[in-house]
Amino acid sequence: NCNPISWGHKTVFPKLLGADRETWNNYDGSEVIKRYDGPRREILADQGTDDYFYHTTKTLNPERLVEVAAANPKVTVNMRMHPGLDHGFNFVKRFWKDHFAHHARNLFLESQGVSF
């Protein structure tokens, strides 16, 4: 989830993080990208366009990541949209290796012989 949504505001964030909404921003990817000022980073994100929470309820907001990253020169978002897919087990199974390899590259593990 790229921005806290209504059910997150009502149930999840207050129970997990308390009532201070500023604290919530540390767990909202879009808010973190807005104020990020460290080394250059690339985020890899995959989204199935037939996902119920994306397509029907409009509660995932992955486009928001791309939008805020465009305003921060230190962050790039590689948003890969996948028609016909949701975010169930088969979706995760299809893309997990890409994400492990992405993190290995970004953590410089490939130079230590770690590959996926």
PDB file of N, CA and C in Angstrom:
ATOM      1  N   ASN A   1       0.852  -1.176   0.000  1.00  0.00           N
ATOM      2  CA  ASN A   1       0.000   0.000   0.000  1.00  0.00           C
ATOM      3  C   ASN A   1       0.893   1.232   0.000  1.00  0.00           C
ATOM      4  N   CYS A   2       0.646   2.121  -0.900  1.00  0.00           N
ATOM      5  CA  CYS A   2       1.525   3.273  -1.092  1.00  0.00           C
ATOM      6  C   CYS A   2       1.099   4.518  -0.345  1.00  0.00           C
ATOM      7  N   ASN A   3      -0.080   4.569   0.122  1.00  0.00           N
ATOM      8  CA  ASN A   3      -0.561   5.647   0.977  1.00  0.00           C
ATOM      9  C   ASN A   3      -1.580   5.042   1.919  1.00  0.00           C
ATOM     10  N   PRO A   4      -1.590   5.458   3.175  1.00  0.00           N
ATOM     11  CA  PRO A   4      -2.622   4.928   4.070  1.00  0.00           C
ATOM     12  C   PRO A   4      -4.011   5.216   3.496  1.00  0.00           C
ATOM     13  N   ILE A   5      -4.837   4.231   3.518  1.00  0.00           N
ATOM     14  CA  ILE A   5      -6.190   4.359   2.993  1.00  0.00           C
ATOM     15  C   ILE A   5      -7.175   4.359   4.148  1.00  0.00           C
ATOM     16  N   SER A   6      -8.443   4.516   3.842  1.00  0.00           N
ATOM     17  CA  SER A   6      -9.444   4.696   4.892  1.00  0.00           C
ATOM     18  C   SER A   6      -9.404   3.599   5.947  1.00  0.00           C
ATOM     19  N   TRP A   7      -9.369   2.321   5.533  1.00  0.00           N
ATOM     20  CA  TRP A   7      -9.356   1.276   6.559  1.00  0.00           C
ATOM     21  C   TRP A   7      -8.038   1.256   7.320  1.00  0.00           C
ATOM     22  N   GLY A   8      -6.962   1.682   6.678  1.00  0.00           N
ATOM     23  CA  GLY A   8      -5.686   1.777   7.377  1.00  0.00           C
ATOM     24  C   GLY A   8      -5.712   2.852   8.445  1.00  0.00           C
ATOM     25  N   HIS A   9      -6.338   3.980   8.127  1.00  0.00           N
ATOM     26  CA  HIS A   9      -6.469   5.076   9.101  1.00  0.00           C
ATOM     27  C   HIS A   9      -7.342   4.671  10.276  1.00  0.00           C
ATOM     28  N   LYS A  10      -8.376   3.890  10.007  1.00  0.00           N
ATOM     29  CA  LYS A  10      -9.351   3.554  11.044  1.00  0.00           C
ATOM     30  C   LYS A  10      -8.918   2.388  11.921  1.00  0.00           C
ATOM     31  N   THR A  11      -8.261   1.401  11.338  1.00  0.00           N
ATOM     32  CA  THR A  11      -8.007   0.186  12.109  1.00  0.00           C
ATOM     33  C   THR A  11      -6.541  -0.184  12.242  1.00  0.00           C
ATOM     34  N   VAL A  12      -5.811  -0.213  11.135  1.00  0.00           N
ATOM     35  CA  VAL A  12      -4.468  -0.783  11.150  1.00  0.00           C
ATOM     36  C   VAL A  12      -3.443   0.146  11.802  1.00  0.00           C
ATOM     37  N   PHE A  13      -3.287   1.345  11.281  1.00  0.00           N
ATOM     38  CA  PHE A  13      -2.235   2.223  11.783  1.00  0.00           C
ATOM     39  C   PHE A  13      -2.402   2.580  13.258  1.00  0.00           C
ATOM     40  N   PRO A  14      -3.583   2.959  13.723  1.00  0.00           N
ATOM     41  CA  PRO A  14      -3.704   3.284  15.149  1.00  0.00           C
ATOM     42  C   PRO A  14      -3.354   2.108  16.063  1.00  0.00           C
ATOM     43  N   LYS A  15      -3.755   0.907  15.674  1.00  0.00           N
ATOM     44  CA  LYS A  15      -3.466  -0.262  16.521  1.00  0.00           C
ATOM     45  C   LYS A  15      -1.988  -0.615  16.514  1.00  0.00           C
ATOM     46  N   LEU A  16      -1.353  -0.501  15.358  1.00  0.00           N
ATOM     47  CA  LEU A  16       0.054  -0.880  15.257  1.00  0.00           C
ATOM     48  C   LEU A  16       1.024   0.227  15.642  1.00  0.00           C
ATOM     49  N   LEU A  17       0.653   1.492  15.331  1.00  0.00           N
ATOM     50  CA  LEU A  17       1.612   2.587  15.456  1.00  0.00           C
ATOM     51  C   LEU A  17       1.197   3.692  16.412  1.00  0.00           C
ATOM     52  N   GLY A  18      -0.021   3.608  16.945  1.00  0.00           N
ATOM     53  CA  GLY A  18      -0.488   4.652  17.844  1.00  0.00           C
ATOM     54  C   GLY A  18      -1.229   5.748  17.090  1.00  0.00           C
ATOM     55  N   ALA A  19      -1.590   6.788  17.804  1.00  0.00           N
ATOM     56  CA  ALA A  19      -2.441   7.844  17.257  1.00  0.00           C
ATOM     57  C   ALA A  19      -1.680   8.935  16.504  1.00  0.00           C
ATOM     58  N   ASP A  20      -0.368   9.016  16.667  1.00  0.00           N
ATOM     59  CA  ASP A  20       0.416  10.075  16.039  1.00  0.00           C
ATOM     60  C   ASP A  20       0.554   9.836  14.540  1.00  0.00           C
ATOM     61  N   ARG A  21      -0.147  10.628  13.745  1.00  0.00           N
ATOM     62  CA  ARG A  21      -0.140  10.443  12.288  1.00  0.00           C
ATOM     63  C   ARG A  21       1.234  10.699  11.675  1.00  0.00           C
ATOM     64  N   GLU A  22       2.066  11.511  12.283  1.00  0.00           N
ATOM     65  CA  GLU A  22       3.419  11.727  11.771  1.00  0.00           C
ATOM     66  C   GLU A  22       4.227  10.433  11.820  1.00  0.00           C
ATOM     67  N   THR A  23       4.016   9.622  12.839  1.00  0.00           N
ATOM     68  CA  THR A  23       4.680   8.321  12.937  1.00  0.00           C
ATOM     69  C   THR A  23       4.277   7.435  11.767  1.00  0.00           C
ATOM     70  N   TRP A  24       3.031   7.521  11.346  1.00  0.00           N
ATOM     71  CA  TRP A  24       2.543   6.703  10.239  1.00  0.00           C
ATOM     72  C   TRP A  24       3.342   6.956   8.964  1.00  0.00           C
ATOM     73  N   ASN A  25       3.799   8.191   8.769  1.00  0.00           N
ATOM     74  CA  ASN A  25       4.529   8.537   7.548  1.00  0.00           C
ATOM     75  C   ASN A  25       5.801   7.725   7.370  1.00  0.00           C
ATOM     76  N   ASN A  26       6.364   7.205   8.460  1.00  0.00           N
ATOM     77  CA  ASN A  26       7.556   6.366   8.367  1.00  0.00           C
ATOM     78  C   ASN A  26       7.252   5.007   7.762  1.00  0.00           C
ATOM     79  N   TYR A  27       5.972   4.651   7.627  1.00  0.00           N
ATOM     80  CA  TYR A  27       5.554   3.356   7.108  1.00  0.00           C
ATOM     81  C   TYR A  27       4.761   3.492   5.809  1.00  0.00           C
ATOM     82  N   ASP A  28       4.732   4.659   5.254  1.00  0.00           N
ATOM     83  CA  ASP A  28       4.036   4.953   4.010  1.00  0.00           C
ATOM     84  C   ASP A  28       5.108   5.186   2.945  1.00  0.00           C
ATOM     85  N   GLY A  29       5.221   4.260   1.992  1.00  0.00           N
ATOM     86  CA  GLY A  29       6.267   4.352   0.984  1.00  0.00           C
ATOM     87  C   GLY A  29       6.320   5.688   0.268  1.00  0.00           C
ATOM     88  N   SER A  30       5.166   6.245  -0.043  1.00  0.00           N
ATOM     89  CA  SER A  30       5.135   7.534  -0.744  1.00  0.00           C
ATOM     90  C   SER A  30       5.686   8.654   0.118  1.00  0.00           C
ATOM     91  N   GLU A  31       5.368   8.637   1.391  1.00  0.00           N
ATOM     92  CA  GLU A  31       5.879   9.680   2.299  1.00  0.00           C
ATOM     93  C   GLU A  31       7.380   9.528   2.515  1.00  0.00           C
ATOM     94  N   VAL A  32       7.856   8.291   2.585  1.00  0.00           N
ATOM     95  CA  VAL A  32       9.298   8.060   2.752  1.00  0.00           C
ATOM     96  C   VAL A  32      10.051   8.573   1.521  1.00  0.00           C
ATOM     97  N   ILE A  33       9.533   8.284   0.332  1.00  0.00           N
ATOM     98  CA  ILE A  33      10.177   8.754  -0.898  1.00  0.00           C
ATOM     99  C   ILE A  33      10.206  10.278  -0.952  1.00  0.00           C
ATOM    100  N   LYS A  34       9.141  10.923  -0.527  1.00  0.00           N
ATOM    101  CA  LYS A  34       9.080  12.393  -0.568  1.00  0.00           C
ATOM    102  C   LYS A  34      10.253  13.022   0.161  1.00  0.00           C
ATOM    103  N   ARG A  35      10.615  12.478   1.309  1.00  0.00           N
ATOM    104  CA  ARG A  35      11.648  13.131   2.123  1.00  0.00           C
ATOM    105  C   ARG A  35      13.005  12.422   2.084  1.00  0.00           C
ATOM    106  N   TYR A  36      13.125  11.379   1.260  1.00  0.00           N
ATOM    107  CA  TYR A  36      14.378  10.635   1.179  1.00  0.00           C
ATOM    108  C   TYR A  36      15.485  11.506   0.596  1.00  0.00           C
ATOM    109  N   ASP A  37      16.659  11.498   1.255  1.00  0.00           N
ATOM    110  CA  ASP A  37      17.786  12.305   0.810  1.00  0.00           C
ATOM    111  C   ASP A  37      19.100  11.550   0.965  1.00  0.00           C
ATOM    112  N   GLY A  38      19.053  10.236   0.803  1.00  0.00           N
ATOM    113  CA  GLY A  38      20.262   9.428   0.925  1.00  0.00           C
ATOM    114  C   GLY A  38      20.848   9.107  -0.440  1.00  0.00           C
ATOM    115  N   PRO A  39      21.590   7.997  -0.513  1.00  0.00           N
ATOM    116  CA  PRO A  39      22.157   7.582  -1.800  1.00  0.00           C
ATOM    117  C   PRO A  39      21.044   7.271  -2.808  1.00  0.00           C
ATOM    118  N   ARG A  40      21.378   7.360  -4.066  1.00  0.00           N
ATOM    119  CA  ARG A  40      20.405   7.081  -5.129  1.00  0.00           C
ATOM    120  C   ARG A  40      19.844   5.669  -4.961  1.00  0.00           C
ATOM    121  N   ARG A  41      18.524   5.520  -5.121  1.00  0.00           N
ATOM    122  CA  ARG A  41      17.847   4.231  -4.954  1.00  0.00           C
ATOM    123  C   ARG A  41      16.896   3.965  -6.113  1.00  0.00           C
ATOM    124  N   GLU A  42      16.764   2.684  -6.453  1.00  0.00           N
ATOM    125  CA  GLU A  42      15.769   2.253  -7.418  1.00  0.00           C
ATOM    126  C   GLU A  42      14.825   1.273  -6.722  1.00  0.00           C
ATOM    127  N   ILE A  43      13.549   1.522  -6.847  1.00  0.00           N
ATOM    128  CA  ILE A  43      12.530   0.659  -6.273  1.00  0.00           C
ATOM    129  C   ILE A  43      11.931  -0.176  -7.397  1.00  0.00           C
ATOM    130  N   LEU A  44      11.819  -1.467  -7.188  1.00  0.00           N
ATOM    131  CA  LEU A  44      11.166  -2.366  -8.133  1.00  0.00           C
ATOM    132  C   LEU A  44       9.803  -2.726  -7.565  1.00  0.00           C
ATOM    133  N   ALA A  45       8.748  -2.478  -8.334  1.00  0.00           N
ATOM    134  CA  ALA A  45       7.394  -2.792  -7.878  1.00  0.00           C
ATOM    135  C   ALA A  45       6.629  -3.463  -9.007  1.00  0.00           C
ATOM    136  N   ASP A  46       5.890  -4.502  -8.664  1.00  0.00           N
ATOM    137  CA  ASP A  46       5.036  -5.198  -9.613  1.00  0.00           C
ATOM    138  C   ASP A  46       3.599  -5.087  -9.141  1.00  0.00           C
ATOM    139  N   GLN A  47       2.691  -4.850 -10.077  1.00  0.00           N
ATOM    140  CA  GLN A  47       1.269  -4.723  -9.745  1.00  0.00           C
ATOM    141  C   GLN A  47       0.440  -5.444 -10.796  1.00  0.00           C
ATOM    142  N   GLY A  48      -0.417  -6.344 -10.343  1.00  0.00           N
ATOM    143  CA  GLY A  48      -1.371  -6.979 -11.234  1.00  0.00           C
ATOM    144  C   GLY A  48      -2.573  -6.069 -11.422  1.00  0.00           C
ATOM    145  N   THR A  49      -2.947  -5.818 -12.671  1.00  0.00           N
ATOM    146  CA  THR A  49      -4.051  -4.892 -12.916  1.00  0.00           C
ATOM    147  C   THR A  49      -5.414  -5.507 -12.619  1.00  0.00           C
ATOM    148  N   ASP A  50      -5.469  -6.833 -12.484  1.00  0.00           N
ATOM    149  CA  ASP A  50      -6.739  -7.483 -12.137  1.00  0.00           C
ATOM    150  C   ASP A  50      -6.845  -7.772 -10.644  1.00  0.00           C
ATOM    151  N   ASP A  51      -5.949  -7.215  -9.858  1.00  0.00           N
ATOM    152  CA  ASP A  51      -6.010  -7.353  -8.413  1.00  0.00           C
ATOM    153  C   ASP A  51      -7.263  -6.647  -7.895  1.00  0.00           C
ATOM    154  N   TYR A  52      -8.016  -7.320  -7.077  1.00  0.00           N
ATOM    155  CA  TYR A  52      -9.258  -6.750  -6.537  1.00  0.00           C
ATOM    156  C   TYR A  52      -9.000  -5.427  -5.829  1.00  0.00           C
ATOM    157  N   PHE A  53      -7.959  -5.359  -5.017  1.00  0.00           N
ATOM    158  CA  PHE A  53      -7.684  -4.150  -4.244  1.00  0.00           C
ATOM    159  C   PHE A  53      -7.155  -3.008  -5.110  1.00  0.00           C
ATOM    160  N   TYR A  54      -6.574  -3.345  -6.247  1.00  0.00           N
ATOM    161  CA  TYR A  54      -6.125  -2.315  -7.187  1.00  0.00           C
ATOM    162  C   TYR A  54      -7.262  -1.905  -8.113  1.00  0.00           C
ATOM    163  N   HIS A  55      -7.862  -2.879  -8.740  1.00  0.00           N
ATOM    164  CA  HIS A  55      -8.840  -2.624  -9.797  1.00  0.00           C
ATOM    165  C   HIS A  55     -10.202  -2.182  -9.266  1.00  0.00           C
ATOM    166  N   THR A  56     -10.714  -2.851  -8.245  1.00  0.00           N
ATOM    167  CA  THR A  56     -12.084  -2.609  -7.795  1.00  0.00           C
ATOM    168  C   THR A  56     -12.164  -1.596  -6.658  1.00  0.00           C
ATOM    169  N   THR A  57     -11.381  -1.808  -5.592  1.00  0.00           N
ATOM    170  CA  THR A  57     -11.494  -0.912  -4.440  1.00  0.00           C
ATOM    171  C   THR A  57     -10.587   0.311  -4.540  1.00  0.00           C
ATOM    172  N   LYS A  58      -9.616   0.272  -5.471  1.00  0.00           N
ATOM    173  CA  LYS A  58      -8.681   1.400  -5.670  1.00  0.00           C
ATOM    174  C   LYS A  58      -7.933   1.753  -4.378  1.00  0.00           C
ATOM    175  N   THR A  59      -7.508   0.727  -3.642  1.00  0.00           N
ATOM    176  CA  THR A  59      -6.870   0.981  -2.346  1.00  0.00           C
ATOM    177  C   THR A  59      -5.363   0.714  -2.325  1.00  0.00           C
ATOM    178  N   LEU A  60      -4.753   0.363  -3.435  1.00  0.00           N
ATOM    179  CA  LEU A  60      -3.316   0.100  -3.409  1.00  0.00           C
ATOM    180  C   LEU A  60      -2.474   1.301  -3.835  1.00  0.00           C
ATOM    181  N   ASN A  61      -2.920   2.071  -4.790  1.00  0.00           N
ATOM    182  CA  ASN A  61      -2.275   3.325  -5.201  1.00  0.00           C
ATOM    183  C   ASN A  61      -0.814   3.212  -5.639  1.00  0.00           C
ATOM    184  N   PRO A  62      -0.433   2.211  -6.443  1.00  0.00           N
ATOM    185  CA  PRO A  62       0.983   2.122  -6.835  1.00  0.00           C
ATOM    186  C   PRO A  62       1.444   3.304  -7.684  1.00  0.00           C
ATOM    187  N   GLU A  63       0.529   3.913  -8.404  1.00  0.00           N
ATOM    188  CA  GLU A  63       0.893   5.079  -9.216  1.00  0.00           C
ATOM    189  C   GLU A  63       1.427   6.219  -8.355  1.00  0.00           C
ATOM    190  N   ARG A  64       1.020   6.251  -7.121  1.00  0.00           N
ATOM    191  CA  ARG A  64       1.498   7.299  -6.197  1.00  0.00           C
ATOM    192  C   ARG A  64       3.008   7.192  -5.989  1.00  0.00           C
ATOM    193  N   LEU A  65       3.541   5.965  -5.933  1.00  0.00           N
ATOM    194  CA  LEU A  65       4.993   5.798  -5.809  1.00  0.00           C
ATOM    195  C   LEU A  65       5.716   6.435  -6.987  1.00  0.00           C
ATOM    196  N   VAL A  66       5.231   6.177  -8.185  1.00  0.00           N
ATOM    197  CA  VAL A  66       5.844   6.727  -9.389  1.00  0.00           C
ATOM    198  C   VAL A  66       5.762   8.251  -9.366  1.00  0.00           C
ATOM    199  N   GLU A  67       4.617   8.757  -8.970  1.00  0.00           N
ATOM    200  CA  GLU A  67       4.390  10.210  -8.923  1.00  0.00           C
ATOM    201  C   GLU A  67       5.360  10.906  -7.975  1.00  0.00           C
ATOM    202  N   VAL A  68       5.499  10.413  -6.756  1.00  0.00           N
ATOM    203  CA  VAL A  68       6.373  11.102  -5.803  1.00  0.00           C
ATOM    204  C   VAL A  68       7.845  10.885  -6.143  1.00  0.00           C
ATOM    205  N   ALA A  69       8.190   9.730  -6.728  1.00  0.00           N
ATOM    206  CA  ALA A  69       9.583   9.503  -7.122  1.00  0.00           C
ATOM    207  C   ALA A  69      10.000  10.442  -8.247  1.00  0.00           C
ATOM    208  N   ALA A  70       9.064  10.799  -9.112  1.00  0.00           N
ATOM    209  CA  ALA A  70       9.377  11.725 -10.204  1.00  0.00           C
ATOM    210  C   ALA A  70       9.804  13.087  -9.667  1.00  0.00           C
ATOM    211  N   ALA A  71       9.389  13.407  -8.454  1.00  0.00           N
ATOM    212  CA  ALA A  71       9.748  14.692  -7.838  1.00  0.00           C
ATOM    213  C   ALA A  71      11.009  14.596  -6.984  1.00  0.00           C
ATOM    214  N   ASN A  72      11.553  13.396  -6.817  1.00  0.00           N
ATOM    215  CA  ASN A  72      12.756  13.213  -6.010  1.00  0.00           C
ATOM    216  C   ASN A  72      13.860  12.621  -6.891  1.00  0.00           C
ATOM    217  N   PRO A  73      14.890  13.405  -7.215  1.00  0.00           N
ATOM    218  CA  PRO A  73      15.933  12.918  -8.121  1.00  0.00           C
ATOM    219  C   PRO A  73      16.766  11.763  -7.563  1.00  0.00           C
ATOM    220  N   LYS A  74      16.612  11.455  -6.299  1.00  0.00           N
ATOM    221  CA  LYS A  74      17.386  10.368  -5.699  1.00  0.00           C
ATOM    222  C   LYS A  74      16.664   9.024  -5.744  1.00  0.00           C
ATOM    223  N   VAL A  75      15.417   9.014  -6.235  1.00  0.00           N
ATOM    224  CA  VAL A  75      14.625   7.780  -6.240  1.00  0.00           C
ATOM    225  C   VAL A  75      14.024   7.550  -7.626  1.00  0.00           C
ATOM    226  N   THR A  76      14.166   6.319  -8.083  1.00  0.00           N
ATOM    227  CA  THR A  76      13.534   5.883  -9.321  1.00  0.00           C
ATOM    228  C   THR A  76      12.647   4.697  -8.990  1.00  0.00           C
ATOM    229  N   VAL A  77      11.456   4.671  -9.562  1.00  0.00           N
ATOM    230  CA  VAL A  77      10.559   3.534  -9.369  1.00  0.00           C
ATOM    231  C   VAL A  77      10.374   2.827 -10.703  1.00  0.00           C
ATOM    232  N   ASN A  78      10.712   1.557 -10.729  1.00  0.00           N
ATOM    233  CA  ASN A  78      10.457   0.708 -11.877  1.00  0.00           C
ATOM    234  C   ASN A  78       9.135  -0.009 -11.587  1.00  0.00           C
ATOM    235  N   MET A  79       8.030   0.576 -12.050  1.00  0.00           N
ATOM    236  CA  MET A  79       6.695   0.032 -11.799  1.00  0.00           C
ATOM    237  C   MET A  79       6.294  -0.838 -12.979  1.00  0.00           C
ATOM    238  N   ARG A  80       6.156  -2.127 -12.724  1.00  0.00           N
ATOM    239  CA  ARG A  80       5.784  -3.064 -13.771  1.00  0.00           C
ATOM    240  C   ARG A  80       4.330  -3.482 -13.563  1.00  0.00           C
ATOM    241  N   MET A  81       3.483  -3.111 -14.507  1.00  0.00           N
ATOM    242  CA  MET A  81       2.059  -3.435 -14.447  1.00  0.00           C
ATOM    243  C   MET A  81       1.805  -4.701 -15.253  1.00  0.00           C
ATOM    244  N   HIS A  82       0.984  -5.607 -14.691  1.00  0.00           N
ATOM    245  CA  HIS A  82       0.760  -6.915 -15.307  1.00  0.00           C
ATOM    246  C   HIS A  82      -0.725  -7.178 -15.516  1.00  0.00           C
ATOM    247  N   PRO A  83      -1.197  -6.986 -16.753  1.00  0.00           N
ATOM    248  CA  PRO A  83      -2.602  -7.256 -17.055  1.00  0.00           C
ATOM    249  C   PRO A  83      -2.957  -8.718 -16.792  1.00  0.00           C
ATOM    250  N   GLY A  84      -4.153  -8.925 -16.255  1.00  0.00           N
ATOM    251  CA  GLY A  84      -4.655 -10.270 -16.021  1.00  0.00           C
ATOM    252  C   GLY A  84      -4.185 -10.926 -14.736  1.00  0.00           C
ATOM    253  N   LEU A  85      -3.365 -10.241 -13.941  1.00  0.00           N
ATOM    254  CA  LEU A  85      -2.850 -10.845 -12.711  1.00  0.00           C
ATOM    255  C   LEU A  85      -3.382 -10.122 -11.485  1.00  0.00           C
ATOM    256  N   ASP A  86      -3.455 -10.869 -10.369  1.00  0.00           N
ATOM    257  CA  ASP A  86      -3.820 -10.279  -9.082  1.00  0.00           C
ATOM    258  C   ASP A  86      -2.559 -10.237  -8.220  1.00  0.00           C
ATOM    259  N   HIS A  87      -2.657 -10.383  -6.904  1.00  0.00           N
ATOM    260  CA  HIS A  87      -1.439 -10.465  -6.089  1.00  0.00           C
ATOM    261  C   HIS A  87      -1.440 -11.711  -5.215  1.00  0.00           C
ATOM    262  N   GLY A  88      -2.011 -12.776  -5.741  1.00  0.00           N
ATOM    263  CA  GLY A  88      -2.049 -14.052  -5.036  1.00  0.00           C
ATOM    264  C   GLY A  88      -0.733 -14.806  -5.149  1.00  0.00           C
ATOM    265  N   PHE A  89      -0.751 -16.058  -4.731  1.00  0.00           N
ATOM    266  CA  PHE A  89       0.445 -16.894  -4.692  1.00  0.00           C
ATOM    267  C   PHE A  89       1.129 -16.981  -6.051  1.00  0.00           C
ATOM    268  N   ASN A  90       0.361 -17.191  -7.125  1.00  0.00           N
ATOM    269  CA  ASN A  90       0.965 -17.324  -8.449  1.00  0.00           C
ATOM    270  C   ASN A  90       1.651 -16.046  -8.897  1.00  0.00           C
ATOM    271  N   PHE A  91       1.125 -14.905  -8.496  1.00  0.00           N
ATOM    272  CA  PHE A  91       1.765 -13.628  -8.807  1.00  0.00           C
ATOM    273  C   PHE A  91       3.117 -13.545  -8.104  1.00  0.00           C
ATOM    274  N   VAL A  92       3.132 -13.834  -6.824  1.00  0.00           N
ATOM    275  CA  VAL A  92       4.377 -13.793  -6.049  1.00  0.00           C
ATOM    276  C   VAL A  92       5.376 -14.798  -6.609  1.00  0.00           C
ATOM    277  N   LYS A  93       4.902 -15.995  -6.919  1.00  0.00           N
ATOM    278  CA  LYS A  93       5.767 -17.051  -7.458  1.00  0.00           C
ATOM    279  C   LYS A  93       6.411 -16.617  -8.775  1.00  0.00           C
ATOM    280  N   ARG A  94       5.695 -15.858  -9.568  1.00  0.00           N
ATOM    281  CA  ARG A  94       6.187 -15.440 -10.873  1.00  0.00           C
ATOM    282  C   ARG A  94       7.313 -14.403 -10.761  1.00  0.00           C
ATOM    283  N   PHE A  95       7.286 -13.546  -9.741  1.00  0.00           N
ATOM    284  CA  PHE A  95       8.203 -12.397  -9.705  1.00  0.00           C
ATOM    285  C   PHE A  95       9.195 -12.384  -8.542  1.00  0.00           C
ATOM    286  N   TRP A  96       9.151 -13.343  -7.633  1.00  0.00           N
ATOM    287  CA  TRP A  96      10.012 -13.270  -6.453  1.00  0.00           C
ATOM    288  C   TRP A  96      11.495 -13.268  -6.818  1.00  0.00           C
ATOM    289  N   LYS A  97      11.889 -14.045  -7.825  1.00  0.00           N
ATOM    290  CA  LYS A  97      13.312 -14.072  -8.188  1.00  0.00           C
ATOM    291  C   LYS A  97      13.790 -12.711  -8.679  1.00  0.00           C
ATOM    292  N   ASP A  98      12.940 -12.013  -9.430  1.00  0.00           N
ATOM    293  CA  ASP A  98      13.301 -10.662  -9.878  1.00  0.00           C
ATOM    294  C   ASP A  98      13.589  -9.753  -8.691  1.00  0.00           C
ATOM    295  N   HIS A  99      12.772  -9.867  -7.658  1.00  0.00           N
ATOM    296  CA  HIS A  99      12.916  -8.994  -6.497  1.00  0.00           C
ATOM    297  C   HIS A  99      14.129  -9.378  -5.646  1.00  0.00           C
ATOM    298  N   PHE A 100      14.381 -10.672  -5.505  1.00  0.00           N
ATOM    299  CA  PHE A 100      15.583 -11.087  -4.771  1.00  0.00           C
ATOM    300  C   PHE A 100      16.836 -10.614  -5.510  1.00  0.00           C
ATOM    301  N   ALA A 101      16.853 -10.754  -6.840  1.00  0.00           N
ATOM    302  CA  ALA A 101      18.006 -10.303  -7.623  1.00  0.00           C
ATOM    303  C   ALA A 101      18.168  -8.788  -7.527  1.00  0.00           C
ATOM    304  N   HIS A 102      17.059  -8.071  -7.565  1.00  0.00           N
ATOM    305  CA  HIS A 102      17.094  -6.608  -7.436  1.00  0.00           C
ATOM    306  C   HIS A 102      17.729  -6.199  -6.103  1.00  0.00           C
ATOM    307  N   HIS A 103      17.296  -6.845  -5.028  1.00  0.00           N
ATOM    308  CA  HIS A 103      17.844  -6.498  -3.717  1.00  0.00           C
ATOM    309  C   HIS A 103      19.304  -6.923  -3.605  1.00  0.00           C
ATOM    310  N   ALA A 104      19.657  -8.047  -4.195  1.00  0.00           N
ATOM    311  CA  ALA A 104      21.061  -8.476  -4.169  1.00  0.00           C
ATOM    312  C   ALA A 104      21.938  -7.443  -4.875  1.00  0.00           C
ATOM    313  N   ARG A 105      21.480  -6.946  -6.025  1.00  0.00           N
ATOM    314  CA  ARG A 105      22.252  -5.916  -6.738  1.00  0.00           C
ATOM    315  C   ARG A 105      22.373  -4.655  -5.891  1.00  0.00           C
ATOM    316  N   ASN A 106      21.278  -4.254  -5.282  1.00  0.00           N
ATOM    317  CA  ASN A 106      21.274  -3.011  -4.522  1.00  0.00           C
ATOM    318  C   ASN A 106      22.002  -3.124  -3.195  1.00  0.00           C
ATOM    319  N   LEU A 107      22.168  -4.326  -2.708  1.00  0.00           N
ATOM    320  CA  LEU A 107      22.930  -4.537  -1.473  1.00  0.00           C
ATOM    321  C   LEU A 107      24.360  -4.989  -1.769  1.00  0.00           C
ATOM    322  N   PHE A 108      24.726  -4.973  -3.043  1.00  0.00           N
ATOM    323  CA  PHE A 108      26.064  -5.335  -3.500  1.00  0.00           C
ATOM    324  C   PHE A 108      26.429  -6.780  -3.170  1.00  0.00           C
ATOM    325  N   LEU A 109      25.441  -7.658  -3.119  1.00  0.00           N
ATOM    326  CA  LEU A 109      25.705  -9.061  -2.829  1.00  0.00           C
ATOM    327  C   LEU A 109      26.241  -9.812  -4.039  1.00  0.00           C
ATOM    328  N   GLU A 110      25.900  -9.337  -5.236  1.00  0.00           N
ATOM    329  CA  GLU A 110      26.388 -10.018  -6.435  1.00  0.00           C
ATOM    330  C   GLU A 110      27.912 -10.057  -6.463  1.00  0.00           C
ATOM    331  N   SER A 111      28.557  -8.993  -5.998  1.00  0.00           N
ATOM    332  CA  SER A 111      30.012  -8.950  -5.989  1.00  0.00           C
ATOM    333  C   SER A 111      30.602  -9.946  -4.990  1.00  0.00           C
ATOM    334  N   GLN A 112      29.754 -10.460  -4.110  1.00  0.00           N
ATOM    335  CA  GLN A 112      30.211 -11.451  -3.129  1.00  0.00           C
ATOM    336  C   GLN A 112      29.777 -12.868  -3.530  1.00  0.00           C
ATOM    337  N   GLY A 113      29.316 -13.021  -4.768  1.00  0.00           N
ATOM    338  CA  GLY A 113      28.974 -14.327  -5.274  1.00  0.00           C
ATOM    339  C   GLY A 113      27.545 -14.769  -5.026  1.00  0.00           C
ATOM    340  N   VAL A 114      26.709 -13.898  -4.528  1.00  0.00           N
ATOM    341  CA  VAL A 114      25.313 -14.238  -4.299  1.00  0.00           C
ATOM    342  C   VAL A 114      24.520 -13.889  -5.540  1.00  0.00           C
ATOM    343  N   SER A 115      23.771 -14.849  -6.084  1.00  0.00           N
ATOM    344  CA  SER A 115      22.926 -14.569  -7.241  1.00  0.00           C
ATOM    345  C   SER A 115      21.633 -15.356  -7.124  1.00  0.00           C
ATOM    346  N   PHE A 116      20.658 -14.955  -7.899  1.00  0.00           N
ATOM    347  CA  PHE A 116      19.347 -15.605  -7.864  1.00  0.00           C
ATOM    348  C   PHE A 116      18.882 -15.918  -9.260  1.00  0.00           C
TER     349      PHE A 116
END
